[in-house]
Amino acid sequence: MKHLLTTWIAKLAVFSQLLLAKLGFWGIGLIALIDSSSLPVPMDLLMGGAVWAHKGQFWLYCLAGAAGSAIGGLVPYGLGRAGGELFLLKRVSRERFEAMRTRFERQEFLAVLFPSMLPPPTPWKAFVFAAGVFEMRVVPFVLAVFAGRMARWMVLSLLVLKLGPSAVPLMESMLKDHLAAFLSALALVFAAIGVWAVAKRRKRVAVVE
């Protein structure tokens, strides 16, 4: 089974290269859609190669990849929304399920944003499936995936432009080795943004009163 999966991924990688040669950044968008919706594709390697080959259009490739991922992610999200609750309830108790729902709803945007920023082996589809199960609204879901993927590939693109294609395995290695620190730093950034937004809103209300 593992050998069959490896063969399929290799064939898909060859197909992806041909598609990129013909469609450019539209090809990246289509490949990202396939990767998010069904078959796994080595997206970081393809994105790094495409950015290196088209340095002046790197931002278009990032946009197309992020959009493709956001649209493709609607497939596992839809599966979770359609029947995921029954799937989970067969594996966890109702109390456990409700506790999971409460935790997810408190931080649903970040729960999708963070995994979307991380490379494999992050179980991204599991988080997306959970977003459907716990009925996250479609627009915030799409925005979270888009923002996460855009951030991931913009960082990757800047590293590739600076260091060359070798930046792809370097970035993946750094993220895997320092995952906890990376997530902590992101959490602090978003917490700071949240505090600033609340303080600004309170100040505006005080002025109106």
N, C-alpha and C. Protein backbone atom coordinates (compact mmCIF):
# COMPACT_ATOMS: atom_id res chain seq x y z
N MET A 1 0.83 -1.20 0.00
CA MET A 1 0.00 0.00 0.00
C MET A 1 0.87 1.26 0.00
N LYS A 2 1.91 1.24 0.85
CA LYS A 2 2.82 2.39 0.93
C LYS A 2 3.53 2.59 -0.40
N HIS A 3 3.94 1.48 -1.04
CA HIS A 3 4.61 1.58 -2.33
C HIS A 3 3.67 2.15 -3.39
N LEU A 4 2.40 1.72 -3.35
CA LEU A 4 1.42 2.22 -4.32
C LEU A 4 1.20 3.72 -4.13
N LEU A 5 1.10 4.15 -2.87
CA LEU A 5 0.90 5.57 -2.60
C LEU A 5 2.10 6.39 -3.06
N THR A 6 3.31 5.87 -2.82
CA THR A 6 4.53 6.56 -3.26
C THR A 6 4.56 6.69 -4.78
N THR A 7 4.14 5.63 -5.47
CA THR A 7 4.11 5.65 -6.94
C THR A 7 3.13 6.69 -7.45
N TRP A 8 1.95 6.73 -6.83
CA TRP A 8 0.94 7.71 -7.24
C TRP A 8 1.42 9.14 -7.01
N ILE A 9 2.06 9.38 -5.88
CA ILE A 9 2.57 10.73 -5.59
C ILE A 9 3.64 11.12 -6.60
N ALA A 10 4.51 10.18 -6.96
CA ALA A 10 5.57 10.45 -7.95
C ALA A 10 4.95 10.81 -9.30
N LYS A 11 3.94 10.04 -9.71
CA LYS A 11 3.26 10.33 -10.99
C LYS A 11 2.56 11.67 -10.93
N LEU A 12 1.95 11.96 -9.79
CA LEU A 12 1.26 13.23 -9.64
C LEU A 12 2.24 14.40 -9.68
N ALA A 13 3.43 14.20 -9.14
CA ALA A 13 4.46 15.24 -9.17
C ALA A 13 4.89 15.54 -10.61
N VAL A 14 5.04 14.48 -11.42
CA VAL A 14 5.40 14.66 -12.84
C VAL A 14 4.28 15.41 -13.56
N PHE A 15 3.04 15.00 -13.30
CA PHE A 15 1.89 15.67 -13.91
C PHE A 15 1.84 17.14 -13.50
N SER A 16 2.15 17.40 -12.24
CA SER A 16 2.13 18.77 -11.73
C SER A 16 3.16 19.64 -12.43
N GLN A 17 4.35 19.09 -12.67
CA GLN A 17 5.40 19.84 -13.36
C GLN A 17 4.96 20.20 -14.78
N LEU A 18 4.32 19.25 -15.47
CA LEU A 18 3.82 19.52 -16.83
C LEU A 18 2.73 20.58 -16.80
N LEU A 19 1.86 20.49 -15.79
CA LEU A 19 0.78 21.46 -15.66
C LEU A 19 1.32 22.86 -15.40
N LEU A 20 2.34 22.93 -14.54
CA LEU A 20 2.94 24.23 -14.25
C LEU A 20 3.59 24.84 -15.49
N ALA A 21 4.23 23.99 -16.29
CA ALA A 21 4.91 24.47 -17.50
C ALA A 21 3.90 25.09 -18.46
N LYS A 22 2.67 24.57 -18.47
CA LYS A 22 1.67 25.06 -19.42
C LYS A 22 0.80 26.18 -18.86
N LEU A 23 0.46 26.10 -17.56
CA LEU A 23 -0.52 27.02 -16.99
C LEU A 23 0.06 28.06 -16.05
N GLY A 24 1.33 27.93 -15.67
CA GLY A 24 1.93 28.92 -14.79
C GLY A 24 1.26 28.96 -13.43
N PHE A 25 0.96 30.19 -12.94
CA PHE A 25 0.39 30.30 -11.60
C PHE A 25 -1.01 29.72 -11.51
N TRP A 26 -1.74 29.67 -12.66
CA TRP A 26 -3.04 29.00 -12.65
C TRP A 26 -2.85 27.51 -12.33
N GLY A 27 -1.77 26.94 -12.82
CA GLY A 27 -1.47 25.54 -12.54
C GLY A 27 -1.22 25.31 -11.05
N ILE A 28 -0.49 26.25 -10.42
CA ILE A 28 -0.25 26.15 -8.97
C ILE A 28 -1.58 26.17 -8.21
N GLY A 29 -2.49 27.04 -8.65
CA GLY A 29 -3.80 27.11 -8.00
C GLY A 29 -4.56 25.80 -8.12
N LEU A 30 -4.52 25.20 -9.32
CA LEU A 30 -5.22 23.93 -9.54
C LEU A 30 -4.59 22.80 -8.74
N ILE A 31 -3.26 22.77 -8.70
CA ILE A 31 -2.56 21.72 -7.94
C ILE A 31 -2.84 21.87 -6.45
N ALA A 32 -2.86 23.11 -5.96
CA ALA A 32 -3.17 23.35 -4.54
C ALA A 32 -4.59 22.90 -4.22
N LEU A 33 -5.50 23.10 -5.16
CA LEU A 33 -6.88 22.66 -4.96
C LEU A 33 -6.94 21.14 -4.84
N ILE A 34 -6.20 20.43 -5.72
CA ILE A 34 -6.16 18.97 -5.67
C ILE A 34 -5.56 18.49 -4.34
N ASP A 35 -4.48 19.15 -3.93
CA ASP A 35 -3.79 18.79 -2.69
C ASP A 35 -4.70 18.95 -1.48
N SER A 36 -5.46 20.02 -1.43
CA SER A 36 -6.32 20.29 -0.28
C SER A 36 -7.59 19.44 -0.27
N SER A 37 -8.07 19.12 -1.46
CA SER A 37 -9.35 18.42 -1.53
C SER A 37 -9.22 16.91 -1.48
N SER A 38 -8.10 16.36 -1.99
CA SER A 38 -8.03 14.90 -2.11
C SER A 38 -6.60 14.36 -2.02
N LEU A 39 -5.89 14.33 -3.14
CA LEU A 39 -4.59 13.67 -3.21
C LEU A 39 -3.47 14.56 -2.68
N PRO A 40 -2.58 14.01 -1.84
CA PRO A 40 -1.46 14.81 -1.32
C PRO A 40 -0.43 15.10 -2.41
N VAL A 41 0.03 16.33 -2.45
CA VAL A 41 1.01 16.79 -3.44
C VAL A 41 2.13 17.51 -2.68
N PRO A 42 3.40 17.34 -3.09
CA PRO A 42 4.50 18.08 -2.44
C PRO A 42 4.47 19.56 -2.82
N MET A 43 3.51 20.29 -2.24
CA MET A 43 3.25 21.66 -2.64
C MET A 43 4.42 22.60 -2.39
N ASP A 44 5.14 22.43 -1.27
CA ASP A 44 6.24 23.33 -0.97
C ASP A 44 7.34 23.23 -2.03
N LEU A 45 7.63 22.00 -2.45
CA LEU A 45 8.66 21.81 -3.49
C LEU A 45 8.22 22.44 -4.81
N LEU A 46 6.95 22.23 -5.17
CA LEU A 46 6.44 22.80 -6.42
C LEU A 46 6.41 24.32 -6.35
N MET A 47 5.97 24.85 -5.20
CA MET A 47 5.92 26.30 -5.05
C MET A 47 7.32 26.90 -5.10
N GLY A 48 8.27 26.25 -4.41
CA GLY A 48 9.64 26.75 -4.42
C GLY A 48 10.23 26.76 -5.81
N GLY A 49 9.99 25.68 -6.58
CA GLY A 49 10.50 25.61 -7.95
C GLY A 49 9.87 26.65 -8.85
N ALA A 50 8.55 26.85 -8.68
CA ALA A 50 7.84 27.83 -9.50
C ALA A 50 8.31 29.25 -9.20
N VAL A 51 8.50 29.55 -7.93
CA VAL A 51 8.96 30.89 -7.53
C VAL A 51 10.37 31.15 -8.06
N TRP A 52 11.23 30.14 -7.98
CA TRP A 52 12.60 30.29 -8.47
C TRP A 52 12.63 30.52 -9.99
N ALA A 53 11.71 29.88 -10.69
CA ALA A 53 11.65 30.01 -12.15
C ALA A 53 10.97 31.30 -12.60
N HIS A 54 10.12 31.87 -11.73
CA HIS A 54 9.35 33.08 -12.10
C HIS A 54 9.46 34.09 -10.95
N LYS A 55 10.65 34.54 -10.69
CA LYS A 55 10.93 35.39 -9.52
C LYS A 55 10.07 36.65 -9.49
N GLY A 56 9.86 37.27 -10.65
CA GLY A 56 9.11 38.52 -10.69
C GLY A 56 7.62 38.35 -10.42
N GLN A 57 7.12 37.11 -10.49
CA GLN A 57 5.69 36.85 -10.29
C GLN A 57 5.43 35.99 -9.05
N PHE A 58 6.37 35.96 -8.13
CA PHE A 58 6.23 35.06 -6.98
C PHE A 58 4.94 35.29 -6.21
N TRP A 59 4.53 36.56 -6.11
CA TRP A 59 3.33 36.88 -5.34
C TRP A 59 2.08 36.33 -6.00
N LEU A 60 2.07 36.24 -7.34
CA LEU A 60 0.94 35.65 -8.05
C LEU A 60 0.82 34.16 -7.74
N TYR A 61 1.98 33.48 -7.67
CA TYR A 61 1.98 32.06 -7.35
C TYR A 61 1.49 31.83 -5.92
N CYS A 62 1.88 32.71 -5.01
CA CYS A 62 1.41 32.59 -3.63
C CYS A 62 -0.10 32.81 -3.54
N LEU A 63 -0.60 33.83 -4.24
CA LEU A 63 -2.03 34.10 -4.26
C LEU A 63 -2.82 32.93 -4.84
N ALA A 64 -2.34 32.42 -5.97
CA ALA A 64 -3.04 31.30 -6.63
C ALA A 64 -3.03 30.07 -5.75
N GLY A 65 -1.88 29.77 -5.13
CA GLY A 65 -1.79 28.61 -4.26
C GLY A 65 -2.70 28.73 -3.05
N ALA A 66 -2.74 29.92 -2.44
CA ALA A 66 -3.59 30.14 -1.28
C ALA A 66 -5.06 30.02 -1.64
N ALA A 67 -5.43 30.60 -2.78
CA ALA A 67 -6.83 30.52 -3.23
C ALA A 67 -7.22 29.08 -3.55
N GLY A 68 -6.33 28.34 -4.22
CA GLY A 68 -6.62 26.95 -4.54
C GLY A 68 -6.79 26.11 -3.29
N SER A 69 -5.94 26.33 -2.29
CA SER A 69 -6.06 25.59 -1.04
C SER A 69 -7.36 25.90 -0.32
N ALA A 70 -7.74 27.18 -0.31
CA ALA A 70 -8.96 27.58 0.38
C ALA A 70 -10.19 26.95 -0.28
N ILE A 71 -10.20 26.92 -1.62
CA ILE A 71 -11.34 26.33 -2.33
C ILE A 71 -11.34 24.81 -2.17
N GLY A 72 -10.17 24.19 -2.33
CA GLY A 72 -10.08 22.75 -2.18
C GLY A 72 -10.42 22.28 -0.78
N GLY A 73 -10.09 23.09 0.22
CA GLY A 73 -10.38 22.72 1.60
C GLY A 73 -11.86 22.61 1.90
N LEU A 74 -12.70 23.17 1.01
CA LEU A 74 -14.14 23.08 1.21
C LEU A 74 -14.64 21.64 1.07
N VAL A 75 -13.85 20.77 0.42
CA VAL A 75 -14.27 19.37 0.26
C VAL A 75 -14.23 18.62 1.60
N PRO A 76 -13.06 18.54 2.29
CA PRO A 76 -13.08 17.89 3.61
C PRO A 76 -13.93 18.65 4.63
N TYR A 77 -13.99 19.97 4.50
CA TYR A 77 -14.88 20.76 5.37
C TYR A 77 -16.33 20.35 5.16
N GLY A 78 -16.74 20.21 3.89
CA GLY A 78 -18.11 19.81 3.58
C GLY A 78 -18.42 18.41 4.07
N LEU A 79 -17.44 17.51 3.96
CA LEU A 79 -17.64 16.14 4.47
C LEU A 79 -17.85 16.16 5.98
N GLY A 80 -17.07 16.99 6.66
CA GLY A 80 -17.24 17.10 8.10
C GLY A 80 -18.59 17.67 8.47
N ARG A 81 -19.04 18.63 7.70
CA ARG A 81 -20.33 19.27 7.99
C ARG A 81 -21.50 18.34 7.66
N ALA A 82 -21.32 17.51 6.64
CA ALA A 82 -22.40 16.64 6.19
C ALA A 82 -22.62 15.43 7.10
N GLY A 83 -21.55 14.83 7.59
CA GLY A 83 -21.73 13.63 8.40
C GLY A 83 -20.65 13.40 9.41
N GLY A 84 -19.83 14.39 9.65
CA GLY A 84 -18.69 14.23 10.54
C GLY A 84 -19.07 14.05 12.00
N GLU A 85 -20.20 14.62 12.39
CA GLU A 85 -20.61 14.51 13.79
C GLU A 85 -20.85 13.05 14.16
N LEU A 86 -21.56 12.32 13.30
CA LEU A 86 -21.81 10.90 13.54
C LEU A 86 -20.51 10.12 13.56
N PHE A 87 -19.59 10.50 12.66
CA PHE A 87 -18.28 9.84 12.59
C PHE A 87 -17.53 9.99 13.91
N LEU A 88 -17.52 11.21 14.46
CA LEU A 88 -16.81 11.46 15.71
C LEU A 88 -17.49 10.82 16.90
N LEU A 89 -18.84 10.84 16.92
CA LEU A 89 -19.57 10.29 18.05
C LEU A 89 -19.42 8.78 18.17
N LYS A 90 -19.02 8.13 17.08
CA LYS A 90 -18.75 6.69 17.15
C LYS A 90 -17.42 6.41 17.83
N ARG A 91 -16.59 7.47 17.96
CA ARG A 91 -15.24 7.29 18.50
C ARG A 91 -15.03 7.99 19.84
N VAL A 92 -15.88 8.97 20.17
CA VAL A 92 -15.77 9.65 21.46
C VAL A 92 -17.15 9.77 22.09
N SER A 93 -17.19 9.99 23.40
CA SER A 93 -18.47 10.15 24.08
C SER A 93 -19.08 11.51 23.76
N ARG A 94 -20.39 11.64 24.05
CA ARG A 94 -21.08 12.92 23.81
C ARG A 94 -20.44 14.03 24.65
N GLU A 95 -20.06 13.74 25.88
CA GLU A 95 -19.43 14.76 26.74
C GLU A 95 -18.10 15.23 26.14
N ARG A 96 -17.31 14.29 25.68
CA ARG A 96 -16.03 14.62 25.05
C ARG A 96 -16.25 15.43 23.77
N PHE A 97 -17.25 15.05 23.01
CA PHE A 97 -17.58 15.75 21.76
C PHE A 97 -17.95 17.20 22.05
N GLU A 98 -18.80 17.43 23.06
CA GLU A 98 -19.23 18.79 23.39
C GLU A 98 -18.07 19.62 23.91
N ALA A 99 -17.16 18.98 24.67
CA ALA A 99 -15.98 19.70 25.15
C ALA A 99 -15.10 20.12 23.98
N MET A 100 -14.95 19.23 22.99
CA MET A 100 -14.18 19.55 21.79
C MET A 100 -14.83 20.70 21.03
N ARG A 101 -16.15 20.66 20.92
CA ARG A 101 -16.87 21.73 20.22
C ARG A 101 -16.64 23.08 20.91
N THR A 102 -16.74 23.10 22.24
CA THR A 102 -16.57 24.35 22.99
C THR A 102 -15.18 24.93 22.77
N ARG A 103 -14.16 24.08 22.85
CA ARG A 103 -12.77 24.56 22.65
C ARG A 103 -12.57 25.08 21.24
N PHE A 104 -13.13 24.38 20.28
CA PHE A 104 -12.95 24.80 18.89
C PHE A 104 -13.65 26.13 18.63
N GLU A 105 -14.87 26.27 19.14
CA GLU A 105 -15.64 27.49 18.87
C GLU A 105 -15.00 28.73 19.49
N ARG A 106 -14.26 28.55 20.58
CA ARG A 106 -13.59 29.69 21.21
C ARG A 106 -12.45 30.23 20.36
N GLN A 107 -11.81 29.36 19.59
CA GLN A 107 -10.63 29.77 18.81
C GLN A 107 -10.69 29.17 17.41
N GLU A 108 -11.87 29.15 16.80
CA GLU A 108 -12.03 28.44 15.53
C GLU A 108 -11.16 29.02 14.42
N PHE A 109 -11.05 30.34 14.35
CA PHE A 109 -10.25 30.95 13.28
C PHE A 109 -8.78 30.54 13.41
N LEU A 110 -8.25 30.64 14.64
CA LEU A 110 -6.85 30.27 14.87
C LEU A 110 -6.65 28.77 14.70
N ALA A 111 -7.67 27.98 15.04
CA ALA A 111 -7.57 26.52 14.93
C ALA A 111 -7.42 26.07 13.49
N VAL A 112 -7.87 26.89 12.55
CA VAL A 112 -7.69 26.60 11.12
C VAL A 112 -6.48 27.35 10.56
N LEU A 113 -6.27 28.58 11.03
CA LEU A 113 -5.17 29.41 10.54
C LEU A 113 -3.81 28.78 10.80
N PHE A 114 -3.54 28.39 12.04
CA PHE A 114 -2.22 27.86 12.41
C PHE A 114 -1.84 26.62 11.60
N PRO A 115 -2.71 25.58 11.54
CA PRO A 115 -2.34 24.39 10.74
C PRO A 115 -2.14 24.71 9.27
N SER A 116 -2.85 25.73 8.76
CA SER A 116 -2.70 26.10 7.35
C SER A 116 -1.34 26.71 7.06
N MET A 117 -0.66 27.18 8.09
CA MET A 117 0.65 27.79 7.93
C MET A 117 1.79 26.77 7.99
N LEU A 118 1.47 25.56 8.45
CA LEU A 118 2.52 24.58 8.72
C LEU A 118 2.64 23.53 7.62
N PRO A 119 3.86 23.03 7.39
CA PRO A 119 4.08 22.01 6.35
C PRO A 119 3.74 20.62 6.87
N PRO A 120 3.69 19.62 5.99
CA PRO A 120 3.53 18.23 6.43
C PRO A 120 4.65 17.90 7.41
N PRO A 121 4.42 16.99 8.38
CA PRO A 121 3.25 16.11 8.51
C PRO A 121 2.11 16.66 9.35
N THR A 122 1.92 17.97 9.40
CA THR A 122 0.77 18.53 10.11
C THR A 122 -0.52 17.92 9.56
N PRO A 123 -1.39 17.36 10.42
CA PRO A 123 -2.64 16.75 9.93
C PRO A 123 -3.67 17.80 9.56
N TRP A 124 -3.38 18.55 8.52
CA TRP A 124 -4.20 19.70 8.15
C TRP A 124 -5.65 19.32 7.87
N LYS A 125 -5.86 18.24 7.13
CA LYS A 125 -7.23 17.85 6.77
C LYS A 125 -8.05 17.50 8.00
N ALA A 126 -7.41 17.03 9.07
CA ALA A 126 -8.15 16.73 10.30
C ALA A 126 -8.73 18.01 10.91
N PHE A 127 -7.96 19.10 10.89
CA PHE A 127 -8.45 20.36 11.41
C PHE A 127 -9.56 20.93 10.53
N VAL A 128 -9.41 20.76 9.22
CA VAL A 128 -10.42 21.24 8.29
C VAL A 128 -11.72 20.44 8.45
N PHE A 129 -11.57 19.14 8.60
CA PHE A 129 -12.73 18.27 8.84
C PHE A 129 -13.45 18.70 10.12
N ALA A 130 -12.68 18.97 11.17
CA ALA A 130 -13.25 19.41 12.44
C ALA A 130 -13.99 20.74 12.29
N ALA A 131 -13.47 21.62 11.45
CA ALA A 131 -14.14 22.90 11.21
C ALA A 131 -15.53 22.68 10.64
N GLY A 132 -15.67 21.67 9.78
CA GLY A 132 -16.99 21.33 9.24
C GLY A 132 -17.88 20.69 10.27
N VAL A 133 -17.32 19.78 11.05
CA VAL A 133 -18.09 19.08 12.10
C VAL A 133 -18.68 20.08 13.08
N PHE A 134 -17.88 21.06 13.49
CA PHE A 134 -18.32 22.03 14.49
C PHE A 134 -18.93 23.27 13.87
N GLU A 135 -19.27 23.18 12.58
CA GLU A 135 -20.08 24.17 11.87
C GLU A 135 -19.49 25.58 11.88
N MET A 136 -18.19 25.66 11.64
CA MET A 136 -17.57 26.97 11.44
C MET A 136 -18.17 27.59 10.19
N ARG A 137 -18.44 28.86 10.22
CA ARG A 137 -19.02 29.53 9.06
C ARG A 137 -18.05 29.49 7.87
N VAL A 138 -18.61 29.44 6.68
CA VAL A 138 -17.81 29.22 5.47
C VAL A 138 -16.83 30.36 5.22
N VAL A 139 -17.30 31.60 5.33
CA VAL A 139 -16.43 32.74 5.00
C VAL A 139 -15.21 32.82 5.93
N PRO A 140 -15.39 32.76 7.27
CA PRO A 140 -14.20 32.74 8.14
C PRO A 140 -13.30 31.55 7.86
N PHE A 141 -13.89 30.40 7.54
CA PHE A 141 -13.08 29.22 7.23
C PHE A 141 -12.20 29.47 6.01
N VAL A 142 -12.79 29.96 4.94
CA VAL A 142 -12.03 30.22 3.71
C VAL A 142 -10.95 31.27 3.96
N LEU A 143 -11.28 32.31 4.71
CA LEU A 143 -10.30 33.36 5.01
C LEU A 143 -9.15 32.83 5.86
N ALA A 144 -9.45 31.94 6.81
CA ALA A 144 -8.41 31.38 7.67
C ALA A 144 -7.44 30.52 6.86
N VAL A 145 -7.99 29.67 5.98
CA VAL A 145 -7.12 28.84 5.14
C VAL A 145 -6.30 29.71 4.20
N PHE A 146 -6.95 30.68 3.57
CA PHE A 146 -6.26 31.56 2.62
C PHE A 146 -5.13 32.32 3.32
N ALA A 147 -5.42 32.90 4.47
CA ALA A 147 -4.40 33.69 5.20
C ALA A 147 -3.25 32.81 5.65
N GLY A 148 -3.56 31.62 6.14
CA GLY A 148 -2.51 30.72 6.60
C GLY A 148 -1.60 30.26 5.47
N ARG A 149 -2.20 29.83 4.37
CA ARG A 149 -1.41 29.39 3.22
C ARG A 149 -0.63 30.55 2.60
N MET A 150 -1.24 31.73 2.55
CA MET A 150 -0.56 32.89 1.98
C MET A 150 0.68 33.22 2.80
N ALA A 151 0.55 33.22 4.13
CA ALA A 151 1.69 33.50 5.00
C ALA A 151 2.78 32.46 4.81
N ARG A 152 2.37 31.19 4.76
CA ARG A 152 3.35 30.09 4.59
C ARG A 152 4.14 30.24 3.31
N TRP A 153 3.45 30.50 2.22
CA TRP A 153 4.15 30.53 0.93
C TRP A 153 4.85 31.86 0.65
N MET A 154 4.41 32.92 1.28
CA MET A 154 5.17 34.17 1.16
C MET A 154 6.51 34.04 1.87
N VAL A 155 6.50 33.44 3.07
CA VAL A 155 7.77 33.21 3.78
C VAL A 155 8.66 32.29 2.97
N LEU A 156 8.08 31.21 2.45
CA LEU A 156 8.85 30.27 1.62
C LEU A 156 9.43 30.97 0.40
N SER A 157 8.61 31.80 -0.27
CA SER A 157 9.07 32.50 -1.47
C SER A 157 10.23 33.44 -1.18
N LEU A 158 10.13 34.18 -0.09
CA LEU A 158 11.21 35.11 0.26
C LEU A 158 12.50 34.36 0.58
N LEU A 159 12.37 33.19 1.22
CA LEU A 159 13.56 32.38 1.49
C LEU A 159 14.15 31.83 0.20
N VAL A 160 13.29 31.40 -0.71
CA VAL A 160 13.77 30.87 -2.00
C VAL A 160 14.47 31.97 -2.79
N LEU A 161 13.88 33.16 -2.81
CA LEU A 161 14.50 34.27 -3.53
C LEU A 161 15.86 34.65 -2.93
N LYS A 162 16.00 34.45 -1.63
CA LYS A 162 17.24 34.80 -0.95
C LYS A 162 18.27 33.68 -1.02
N LEU A 163 17.83 32.43 -0.83
CA LEU A 163 18.76 31.31 -0.67
C LEU A 163 18.73 30.31 -1.83
N GLY A 164 17.71 30.41 -2.69
CA GLY A 164 17.59 29.43 -3.77
C GLY A 164 16.65 28.29 -3.37
N PRO A 165 16.46 27.31 -4.26
CA PRO A 165 15.52 26.21 -3.99
C PRO A 165 15.85 25.39 -2.74
N SER A 166 17.10 25.43 -2.27
CA SER A 166 17.46 24.69 -1.06
C SER A 166 16.73 25.22 0.17
N ALA A 167 16.08 26.38 0.04
CA ALA A 167 15.35 26.95 1.17
C ALA A 167 14.12 26.12 1.53
N VAL A 168 13.60 25.33 0.59
CA VAL A 168 12.39 24.54 0.86
C VAL A 168 12.61 23.51 1.96
N PRO A 169 13.59 22.58 1.81
CA PRO A 169 13.82 21.65 2.92
C PRO A 169 14.31 22.34 4.19
N LEU A 170 15.01 23.47 4.03
CA LEU A 170 15.50 24.22 5.19
C LEU A 170 14.33 24.75 6.01
N MET A 171 13.34 25.33 5.33
CA MET A 171 12.17 25.87 6.02
C MET A 171 11.39 24.76 6.71
N GLU A 172 11.17 23.65 6.02
CA GLU A 172 10.42 22.54 6.60
C GLU A 172 11.14 21.99 7.82
N SER A 173 12.46 21.89 7.74
CA SER A 173 13.24 21.37 8.86
C SER A 173 13.17 22.32 10.06
N MET A 174 13.28 23.61 9.80
CA MET A 174 13.23 24.60 10.88
C MET A 174 11.88 24.58 11.57
N LEU A 175 10.80 24.48 10.80
CA LEU A 175 9.48 24.48 11.39
C LEU A 175 9.24 23.23 12.23
N LYS A 176 9.72 22.08 11.72
CA LYS A 176 9.54 20.84 12.47
C LYS A 176 10.35 20.86 13.76
N ASP A 177 11.57 21.41 13.71
CA ASP A 177 12.44 21.42 14.89
C ASP A 177 11.99 22.43 15.93
N HIS A 178 11.33 23.50 15.48
CA HIS A 178 10.97 24.58 16.40
C HIS A 178 9.47 24.86 16.35
N LEU A 179 8.67 23.80 16.19
CA LEU A 179 7.23 23.96 16.03
C LEU A 179 6.59 24.63 17.25
N ALA A 180 6.95 24.18 18.45
CA ALA A 180 6.34 24.73 19.66
C ALA A 180 6.64 26.22 19.80
N ALA A 181 7.90 26.58 19.57
CA ALA A 181 8.29 27.99 19.67
C ALA A 181 7.58 28.84 18.61
N PHE A 182 7.45 28.27 17.41
CA PHE A 182 6.79 28.97 16.31
C PHE A 182 5.33 29.25 16.66
N LEU A 183 4.62 28.22 17.17
CA LEU A 183 3.22 28.39 17.52
C LEU A 183 3.06 29.37 18.68
N SER A 184 3.97 29.31 19.64
CA SER A 184 3.91 30.23 20.78
C SER A 184 4.08 31.67 20.32
N ALA A 185 5.03 31.88 19.41
CA ALA A 185 5.25 33.23 18.89
C ALA A 185 4.03 33.74 18.14
N LEU A 186 3.43 32.87 17.33
CA LEU A 186 2.23 33.27 16.59
C LEU A 186 1.09 33.59 17.55
N ALA A 187 0.94 32.76 18.58
CA ALA A 187 -0.11 33.00 19.56
C ALA A 187 0.07 34.35 20.24
N LEU A 188 1.31 34.70 20.57
CA LEU A 188 1.59 35.98 21.21
C LEU A 188 1.26 37.15 20.28
N VAL A 189 1.61 36.97 18.99
CA VAL A 189 1.32 38.03 18.01
C VAL A 189 -0.18 38.27 17.91
N PHE A 190 -0.95 37.18 17.75
CA PHE A 190 -2.39 37.34 17.60
C PHE A 190 -3.04 37.80 18.89
N ALA A 191 -2.49 37.40 20.04
CA ALA A 191 -3.01 37.89 21.32
C ALA A 191 -2.79 39.40 21.43
N ALA A 192 -1.61 39.85 21.00
CA ALA A 192 -1.31 41.29 21.04
C ALA A 192 -2.24 42.06 20.12
N ILE A 193 -2.50 41.49 18.94
CA ILE A 193 -3.43 42.14 18.00
C ILE A 193 -4.83 42.21 18.61
N GLY A 194 -5.23 41.13 19.28
CA GLY A 194 -6.55 41.11 19.91
C GLY A 194 -6.67 42.14 21.01
N VAL A 195 -5.65 42.24 21.86
CA VAL A 195 -5.66 43.23 22.94
C VAL A 195 -5.70 44.64 22.38
N TRP A 196 -4.92 44.87 21.32
CA TRP A 196 -4.91 46.21 20.69
C TRP A 196 -6.28 46.55 20.11
N ALA A 197 -6.93 45.56 19.45
CA ALA A 197 -8.24 45.80 18.84
C ALA A 197 -9.29 46.10 19.90
N VAL A 198 -9.27 45.35 21.01
CA VAL A 198 -10.23 45.58 22.09
C VAL A 198 -10.01 46.95 22.73
N ALA A 199 -8.74 47.31 22.97
CA ALA A 199 -8.43 48.60 23.58
C ALA A 199 -8.87 49.76 22.67
N LYS A 200 -8.65 49.59 21.38
CA LYS A 200 -9.05 50.64 20.44
C LYS A 200 -10.56 50.79 20.40
N ARG A 201 -11.27 49.66 20.45
CA ARG A 201 -12.74 49.70 20.42
C ARG A 201 -13.28 50.37 21.67
N ARG A 202 -12.72 50.04 22.85
CA ARG A 202 -13.15 50.65 24.09
C ARG A 202 -12.91 52.16 24.09
N LYS A 203 -11.77 52.55 23.53
CA LYS A 203 -11.44 53.98 23.47
C LYS A 203 -12.43 54.72 22.58
N ARG A 204 -12.81 54.07 21.45
CA ARG A 204 -13.77 54.69 20.53
C ARG A 204 -15.14 54.82 21.18
N VAL A 205 -15.55 53.79 21.93
CA VAL A 205 -16.83 53.84 22.63
C VAL A 205 -16.84 54.93 23.68
N ALA A 206 -15.70 55.06 24.41
CA ALA A 206 -15.59 56.08 25.46
C ALA A 206 -15.71 57.49 24.86
N VAL A 207 -15.12 57.69 23.69
CA VAL A 207 -15.19 59.00 23.04
C VAL A 207 -16.61 59.32 22.62
N VAL A 208 -17.32 58.31 22.10
CA VAL A 208 -18.71 58.51 21.66
C VAL A 208 -19.60 58.87 22.85
N GLU A 209 -19.37 58.18 24.00
CA GLU A 209 -20.19 58.46 25.18
C GLU A 209 -19.88 59.84 25.77
